[in-house]
Amino acid sequence: MSLVTRCPSCATTFKVVRDQLRIS
């Protein structure tokens, strides 16, 4: 998690992927 929060773009991408997995 700390690796993701290190860069905003990575955190955004991770959030989008997590949201997509949650929707499907």
Protein backbone atom coordinates (compact mmCIF):
# COMPACT_ATOMS: atom_id res chain seq x y z
CA MET A 1 0.00 0.00 0.00
CA SER A 2 2.86 2.37 0.84
CA LEU A 3 4.33 1.76 -2.62
CA VAL A 4 1.06 2.82 -4.22
CA THR A 5 0.65 5.96 -2.12
CA ARG A 6 4.17 6.98 -3.10
CA CYS A 7 3.01 8.20 -6.53
CA PRO A 8 -0.42 9.84 -7.12
CA SER A 9 -0.82 8.39 -10.62
CA CYS A 10 -0.19 4.86 -9.33
CA ALA A 11 -2.64 5.39 -6.50
CA THR A 12 -5.27 6.64 -8.96
CA THR A 13 -4.76 3.65 -11.26
CA PHE A 14 -4.93 1.24 -8.33
CA LYS A 15 -8.15 2.88 -7.12
CA VAL A 16 -9.74 2.59 -10.57
CA VAL A 17 -8.80 -1.07 -10.84
CA ARG A 18 -10.14 -1.76 -7.37
CA ASP A 19 -13.41 0.01 -8.21
CA GLN A 20 -13.78 -2.00 -11.42
CA LEU A 21 -13.22 -5.25 -9.54
CA ARG A 22 -15.77 -4.18 -6.95
CA ILE A 23 -18.37 -3.35 -9.62
CA SER A 24 -17.90 -6.64 -11.51
